[in-house]
Amino acid sequence: VLRIAAEAGWPARLCQRGNFFHCIEVWIEGAAVIEVLDPSMQAEYRASMTPANWRTSFGLESAA
C-alpha cells in the first residue's frame, strides 16, 4: 500500500490510532483520506473496538 501510494504521489504513512490499532493512512489526491488495514491490523481493530474501550475513548465512563 505504501509503495502504491508513493508511485501515485499520494502521502501515506503507518499510524497508530490511540493505543488500539494500527492502520495505513493514504491521502488520495491530497483531499480524501482512506485507512487501510491488513489482516493483523484488522485483528487489532476487532479486538480493541469494544463498548468499554469506546466509553473510555470518548469520556463516557459515567454513562450507562
PDB file of N, CA and C in Angstrom:
ATOM      1  N   VAL A   1       0.841  -1.196   0.000  1.00  0.00           N
ATOM      2  CA  VAL A   1       0.000   0.000   0.000  1.00  0.00           C
ATOM      3  C   VAL A   1       0.874   1.244   0.000  1.00  0.00           C
ATOM      4  N   LEU A   2       1.894   1.234   0.824  1.00  0.00           N
ATOM      5  CA  LEU A   2       2.782   2.402   0.882  1.00  0.00           C
ATOM      6  C   LEU A   2       3.489   2.613  -0.456  1.00  0.00           C
ATOM      7  N   ARG A   3       3.937   1.532  -1.078  1.00  0.00           N
ATOM      8  CA  ARG A   3       4.612   1.641  -2.372  1.00  0.00           C
ATOM      9  C   ARG A   3       3.657   2.151  -3.440  1.00  0.00           C
ATOM     10  N   ILE A   4       2.455   1.608  -3.474  1.00  0.00           N
ATOM     11  CA  ILE A   4       1.468   2.045  -4.470  1.00  0.00           C
ATOM     12  C   ILE A   4       1.146   3.523  -4.283  1.00  0.00           C
ATOM     13  N   ALA A   5       0.957   3.947  -3.041  1.00  0.00           N
ATOM     14  CA  ALA A   5       0.674   5.360  -2.769  1.00  0.00           C
ATOM     15  C   ALA A   5       1.832   6.238  -3.218  1.00  0.00           C
ATOM     16  N   ALA A   6       3.054   5.811  -2.919  1.00  0.00           N
ATOM     17  CA  ALA A   6       4.222   6.599  -3.317  1.00  0.00           C
ATOM     18  C   ALA A   6       4.300   6.724  -4.834  1.00  0.00           C
ATOM     19  N   GLU A   7       4.024   5.615  -5.542  1.00  0.00           N
ATOM     20  CA  GLU A   7       4.054   5.658  -7.009  1.00  0.00           C
ATOM     21  C   GLU A   7       3.001   6.616  -7.564  1.00  0.00           C
ATOM     22  N   ALA A   8       1.873   6.738  -6.864  1.00  0.00           N
ATOM     23  CA  ALA A   8       0.810   7.634  -7.302  1.00  0.00           C
ATOM     24  C   ALA A   8       1.062   9.075  -6.857  1.00  0.00           C
ATOM     25  N   GLY A   9       2.060   9.275  -5.989  1.00  0.00           N
ATOM     26  CA  GLY A   9       2.343  10.610  -5.477  1.00  0.00           C
ATOM     27  C   GLY A   9       1.429  11.016  -4.333  1.00  0.00           C
ATOM     28  N   TRP A  10       0.822  10.026  -3.674  1.00  0.00           N
ATOM     29  CA  TRP A  10      -0.088  10.303  -2.565  1.00  0.00           C
ATOM     30  C   TRP A  10       0.634  10.111  -1.236  1.00  0.00           C
ATOM     31  N   PRO A  11       0.495  11.035  -0.309  1.00  0.00           N
ATOM     32  CA  PRO A  11       1.081  10.844   1.018  1.00  0.00           C
ATOM     33  C   PRO A  11       0.451   9.631   1.697  1.00  0.00           C
ATOM     34  N   ALA A  12       1.275   8.834   2.346  1.00  0.00           N
ATOM     35  CA  ALA A  12       0.796   7.664   3.078  1.00  0.00           C
ATOM     36  C   ALA A  12       1.741   7.411   4.240  1.00  0.00           C
ATOM     37  N   ARG A  13       1.179   6.921   5.328  1.00  0.00           N
ATOM     38  CA  ARG A  13       2.015   6.638   6.495  1.00  0.00           C
ATOM     39  C   ARG A  13       1.349   5.597   7.373  1.00  0.00           C
ATOM     40  N   LEU A  14       2.166   4.902   8.135  1.00  0.00           N
ATOM     41  CA  LEU A  14       1.677   3.959   9.122  1.00  0.00           C
ATOM     42  C   LEU A  14       1.277   4.755  10.354  1.00  0.00           C
ATOM     43  N   CYS A  15       0.078   4.513  10.851  1.00  0.00           N
ATOM     44  CA  CYS A  15      -0.435   5.254  12.005  1.00  0.00           C
ATOM     45  C   CYS A  15      -0.873   4.297  13.101  1.00  0.00           C
ATOM     46  N   GLN A  16      -0.882   4.808  14.320  1.00  0.00           N
ATOM     47  CA  GLN A  16      -1.473   4.076  15.435  1.00  0.00           C
ATOM     48  C   GLN A  16      -2.620   4.920  15.955  1.00  0.00           C
ATOM     49  N   ARG A  17      -3.788   4.357  16.000  1.00  0.00           N
ATOM     50  CA  ARG A  17      -4.978   5.054  16.480  1.00  0.00           C
ATOM     51  C   ARG A  17      -5.120   4.793  17.973  1.00  0.00           C
ATOM     52  N   GLY A  18      -4.743   5.812  18.752  1.00  0.00           N
ATOM     53  CA  GLY A  18      -4.733   5.652  20.206  1.00  0.00           C
ATOM     54  C   GLY A  18      -3.801   4.516  20.564  1.00  0.00           C
ATOM     55  N   ASN A  19      -4.154   3.775  21.572  1.00  0.00           N
ATOM     56  CA  ASN A  19      -3.407   2.564  21.906  1.00  0.00           C
ATOM     57  C   ASN A  19      -4.182   1.350  21.441  1.00  0.00           C
ATOM     58  N   PHE A  20      -4.979   1.541  20.378  1.00  0.00           N
ATOM     59  CA  PHE A  20      -5.915   0.498  19.984  1.00  0.00           C
ATOM     60  C   PHE A  20      -5.476  -0.311  18.772  1.00  0.00           C
ATOM     61  N   PHE A  21      -5.195   0.337  17.650  1.00  0.00           N
ATOM     62  CA  PHE A  21      -4.882  -0.409  16.438  1.00  0.00           C
ATOM     63  C   PHE A  21      -4.031   0.434  15.499  1.00  0.00           C
ATOM     64  N   HIS A  22      -3.392  -0.249  14.573  1.00  0.00           N
ATOM     65  CA  HIS A  22      -2.588   0.403  13.540  1.00  0.00           C
ATOM     66  C   HIS A  22      -3.370   0.427  12.229  1.00  0.00           C
ATOM     67  N   CYS A  23      -3.026   1.365  11.374  1.00  0.00           N
ATOM     68  CA  CYS A  23      -3.601   1.418  10.035  1.00  0.00           C
ATOM     69  C   CYS A  23      -2.624   2.166   9.134  1.00  0.00           C
ATOM     70  N   ILE A  24      -2.864   2.069   7.850  1.00  0.00           N
ATOM     71  CA  ILE A  24      -2.106   2.858   6.884  1.00  0.00           C
ATOM     72  C   ILE A  24      -3.040   3.948   6.388  1.00  0.00           C
ATOM     73  N   GLU A  25      -2.629   5.172   6.587  1.00  0.00           N
ATOM     74  CA  GLU A  25      -3.413   6.342   6.191  1.00  0.00           C
ATOM     75  C   GLU A  25      -2.921   6.787   4.812  1.00  0.00           C
ATOM     76  N   VAL A  26      -3.820   6.847   3.851  1.00  0.00           N
ATOM     77  CA  VAL A  26      -3.471   7.248   2.484  1.00  0.00           C
ATOM     78  C   VAL A  26      -4.324   8.452   2.106  1.00  0.00           C
ATOM     79  N   TRP A  27      -3.660   9.524   1.672  1.00  0.00           N
ATOM     80  CA  TRP A  27      -4.364  10.733   1.233  1.00  0.00           C
ATOM     81  C   TRP A  27      -4.472  10.703  -0.286  1.00  0.00           C
ATOM     82  N   ILE A  28      -5.681  10.500  -0.782  1.00  0.00           N
ATOM     83  CA  ILE A  28      -5.927  10.427  -2.217  1.00  0.00           C
ATOM     84  C   ILE A  28      -6.007  11.846  -2.773  1.00  0.00           C
ATOM     85  N   GLU A  29      -5.131  12.143  -3.727  1.00  0.00           N
ATOM     86  CA  GLU A  29      -5.091  13.474  -4.354  1.00  0.00           C
ATOM     87  C   GLU A  29      -4.982  14.593  -3.328  1.00  0.00           C
ATOM     88  N   GLY A  30      -4.495  14.281  -2.129  1.00  0.00           N
ATOM     89  CA  GLY A  30      -4.328  15.279  -1.088  1.00  0.00           C
ATOM     90  C   GLY A  30      -5.635  15.826  -0.535  1.00  0.00           C
ATOM     91  N   ALA A  31      -6.753  15.171  -0.861  1.00  0.00           N
ATOM     92  CA  ALA A  31      -8.050  15.717  -0.473  1.00  0.00           C
ATOM     93  C   ALA A  31      -8.908  14.756   0.348  1.00  0.00           C
ATOM     94  N   ALA A  32      -8.760  13.473   0.142  1.00  0.00           N
ATOM     95  CA  ALA A  32      -9.589  12.493   0.845  1.00  0.00           C
ATOM     96  C   ALA A  32      -8.679  11.440   1.457  1.00  0.00           C
ATOM     97  N   VAL A  33      -8.978  11.067   2.676  1.00  0.00           N
ATOM     98  CA  VAL A  33      -8.155  10.072   3.356  1.00  0.00           C
ATOM     99  C   VAL A  33      -8.897   8.741   3.406  1.00  0.00           C
ATOM    100  N   ILE A  34      -8.145   7.665   3.215  1.00  0.00           N
ATOM    101  CA  ILE A  34      -8.678   6.329   3.469  1.00  0.00           C
ATOM    102  C   ILE A  34      -7.725   5.645   4.436  1.00  0.00           C
ATOM    103  N   GLU A  35      -8.251   4.767   5.250  1.00  0.00           N
ATOM    104  CA  GLU A  35      -7.433   3.979   6.150  1.00  0.00           C
ATOM    105  C   GLU A  35      -7.487   2.533   5.678  1.00  0.00           C
ATOM    106  N   VAL A  36      -6.315   1.952   5.493  1.00  0.00           N
ATOM    107  CA  VAL A  36      -6.198   0.582   5.008  1.00  0.00           C
ATOM    108  C   VAL A  36      -5.664  -0.265   6.161  1.00  0.00           C
ATOM    109  N   LEU A  37      -6.299  -1.418   6.378  1.00  0.00           N
ATOM    110  CA  LEU A  37      -5.866  -2.331   7.422  1.00  0.00           C
ATOM    111  C   LEU A  37      -5.548  -3.684   6.808  1.00  0.00           C
ATOM    112  N   ASP A  38      -4.345  -4.196   7.087  1.00  0.00           N
ATOM    113  CA  ASP A  38      -4.017  -5.548   6.651  1.00  0.00           C
ATOM    114  C   ASP A  38      -4.637  -6.526   7.660  1.00  0.00           C
ATOM    115  N   PRO A  39      -4.540  -7.824   7.446  1.00  0.00           N
ATOM    116  CA  PRO A  39      -5.197  -8.770   8.360  1.00  0.00           C
ATOM    117  C   PRO A  39      -4.782  -8.626   9.823  1.00  0.00           C
ATOM    118  N   SER A  40      -3.505  -8.372  10.104  1.00  0.00           N
ATOM    119  CA  SER A  40      -3.103  -8.216  11.506  1.00  0.00           C
ATOM    120  C   SER A  40      -3.662  -6.923  12.099  1.00  0.00           C
ATOM    121  N   MET A  41      -3.746  -5.879  11.297  1.00  0.00           N
ATOM    122  CA  MET A  41      -4.336  -4.614  11.758  1.00  0.00           C
ATOM    123  C   MET A  41      -5.830  -4.791  11.994  1.00  0.00           C
ATOM    124  N   GLN A  42      -6.481  -5.565  11.144  1.00  0.00           N
ATOM    125  CA  GLN A  42      -7.903  -5.845  11.334  1.00  0.00           C
ATOM    126  C   GLN A  42      -8.132  -6.586  12.641  1.00  0.00           C
ATOM    127  N   ALA A  43      -7.254  -7.510  12.974  1.00  0.00           N
ATOM    128  CA  ALA A  43      -7.380  -8.244  14.239  1.00  0.00           C
ATOM    129  C   ALA A  43      -7.237  -7.301  15.423  1.00  0.00           C
ATOM    130  N   GLU A  44      -6.265  -6.375  15.351  1.00  0.00           N
ATOM    131  CA  GLU A  44      -6.112  -5.365  16.418  1.00  0.00           C
ATOM    132  C   GLU A  44      -7.386  -4.540  16.549  1.00  0.00           C
ATOM    133  N   TYR A  45      -7.917  -4.104  15.410  1.00  0.00           N
ATOM    134  CA  TYR A  45      -9.123  -3.274  15.400  1.00  0.00           C
ATOM    135  C   TYR A  45     -10.285  -4.019  16.043  1.00  0.00           C
ATOM    136  N   ARG A  46     -10.512  -5.238  15.591  1.00  0.00           N
ATOM    137  CA  ARG A  46     -11.638  -6.018  16.131  1.00  0.00           C
ATOM    138  C   ARG A  46     -11.500  -6.280  17.619  1.00  0.00           C
ATOM    139  N   ALA A  47     -10.281  -6.526  18.076  1.00  0.00           N
ATOM    140  CA  ALA A  47     -10.057  -6.786  19.497  1.00  0.00           C
ATOM    141  C   ALA A  47     -10.237  -5.531  20.343  1.00  0.00           C
ATOM    142  N   SER A  48      -9.952  -4.365  19.761  1.00  0.00           N
ATOM    143  CA  SER A  48      -9.985  -3.121  20.553  1.00  0.00           C
ATOM    144  C   SER A  48     -11.320  -2.388  20.504  1.00  0.00           C
ATOM    145  N   MET A  49     -12.136  -2.640  19.523  1.00  0.00           N
ATOM    146  CA  MET A  49     -13.391  -1.903  19.399  1.00  0.00           C
ATOM    147  C   MET A  49     -14.491  -2.584  20.215  1.00  0.00           C
ATOM    148  N   THR A  50     -14.415  -2.347  21.512  1.00  0.00           N
ATOM    149  CA  THR A  50     -15.383  -2.896  22.463  1.00  0.00           C
ATOM    150  C   THR A  50     -16.162  -1.739  23.089  1.00  0.00           C
ATOM    151  N   PRO A  51     -17.336  -2.017  23.622  1.00  0.00           N
ATOM    152  CA  PRO A  51     -18.080  -0.939  24.294  1.00  0.00           C
ATOM    153  C   PRO A  51     -17.263  -0.262  25.397  1.00  0.00           C
ATOM    154  N   ALA A  52     -16.513  -1.041  26.164  1.00  0.00           N
ATOM    155  CA  ALA A  52     -15.718  -0.456  27.248  1.00  0.00           C
ATOM    156  C   ALA A  52     -14.656   0.495  26.696  1.00  0.00           C
ATOM    157  N   ASN A  53     -13.977   0.105  25.631  1.00  0.00           N
ATOM    158  CA  ASN A  53     -12.957   0.983  25.039  1.00  0.00           C
ATOM    159  C   ASN A  53     -13.586   2.226  24.423  1.00  0.00           C
ATOM    160  N   TRP A  54     -14.750   2.094  23.814  1.00  0.00           N
ATOM    161  CA  TRP A  54     -15.441   3.275  23.271  1.00  0.00           C
ATOM    162  C   TRP A  54     -15.779   4.244  24.394  1.00  0.00           C
ATOM    163  N   ARG A  55     -16.309   3.729  25.501  1.00  0.00           N
ATOM    164  CA  ARG A  55     -16.653   4.612  26.631  1.00  0.00           C
ATOM    165  C   ARG A  55     -15.410   5.335  27.139  1.00  0.00           C
ATOM    166  N   THR A  56     -14.311   4.611  27.280  1.00  0.00           N
ATOM    167  CA  THR A  56     -13.065   5.217  27.759  1.00  0.00           C
ATOM    168  C   THR A  56     -12.560   6.259  26.770  1.00  0.00           C
ATOM    169  N   SER A  57     -12.552   5.926  25.494  1.00  0.00           N
ATOM    170  CA  SER A  57     -12.021   6.831  24.468  1.00  0.00           C
ATOM    171  C   SER A  57     -12.779   8.137  24.382  1.00  0.00           C
ATOM    172  N   PHE A  58     -14.089   8.078  24.572  1.00  0.00           N
ATOM    173  CA  PHE A  58     -14.919   9.260  24.398  1.00  0.00           C
ATOM    174  C   PHE A  58     -15.387   9.850  25.730  1.00  0.00           C
ATOM    175  N   GLY A  59     -14.748   9.439  26.833  1.00  0.00           N
ATOM    176  CA  GLY A  59     -15.054  10.009  28.138  1.00  0.00           C
ATOM    177  C   GLY A  59     -16.468   9.735  28.608  1.00  0.00           C
ATOM    178  N   LEU A  60     -16.961   8.552  28.315  1.00  0.00           N
ATOM    179  CA  LEU A  60     -18.339   8.208  28.667  1.00  0.00           C
ATOM    180  C   LEU A  60     -18.394   7.183  29.792  1.00  0.00           C
ATOM    181  N   GLU A  61     -17.362   7.123  30.632  1.00  0.00           N
ATOM    182  CA  GLU A  61     -17.311   6.116  31.687  1.00  0.00           C
ATOM    183  C   GLU A  61     -18.523   6.192  32.595  1.00  0.00           C
ATOM    184  N   SER A  62     -19.028   7.390  32.859  1.00  0.00           N
ATOM    185  CA  SER A  62     -20.156   7.530  33.791  1.00  0.00           C
ATOM    186  C   SER A  62     -21.503   7.249  33.133  1.00  0.00           C
ATOM    187  N   ALA A  63     -21.545   7.230  31.801  1.00  0.00           N
ATOM    188  CA  ALA A  63     -22.797   6.947  31.107  1.00  0.00           C
ATOM    189  C   ALA A  63     -23.062   5.456  31.128  1.00  0.00           C
ATOM    190  N   ALA A  64     -24.304   5.116  31.354  1.00  0.00           N
ATOM    191  CA  ALA A  64     -24.637   3.681  31.402  1.00  0.00           C
ATOM    192  C   ALA A  64     -25.706   3.361  30.387  1.00  0.00           C
TER     193      ALA A  64
END
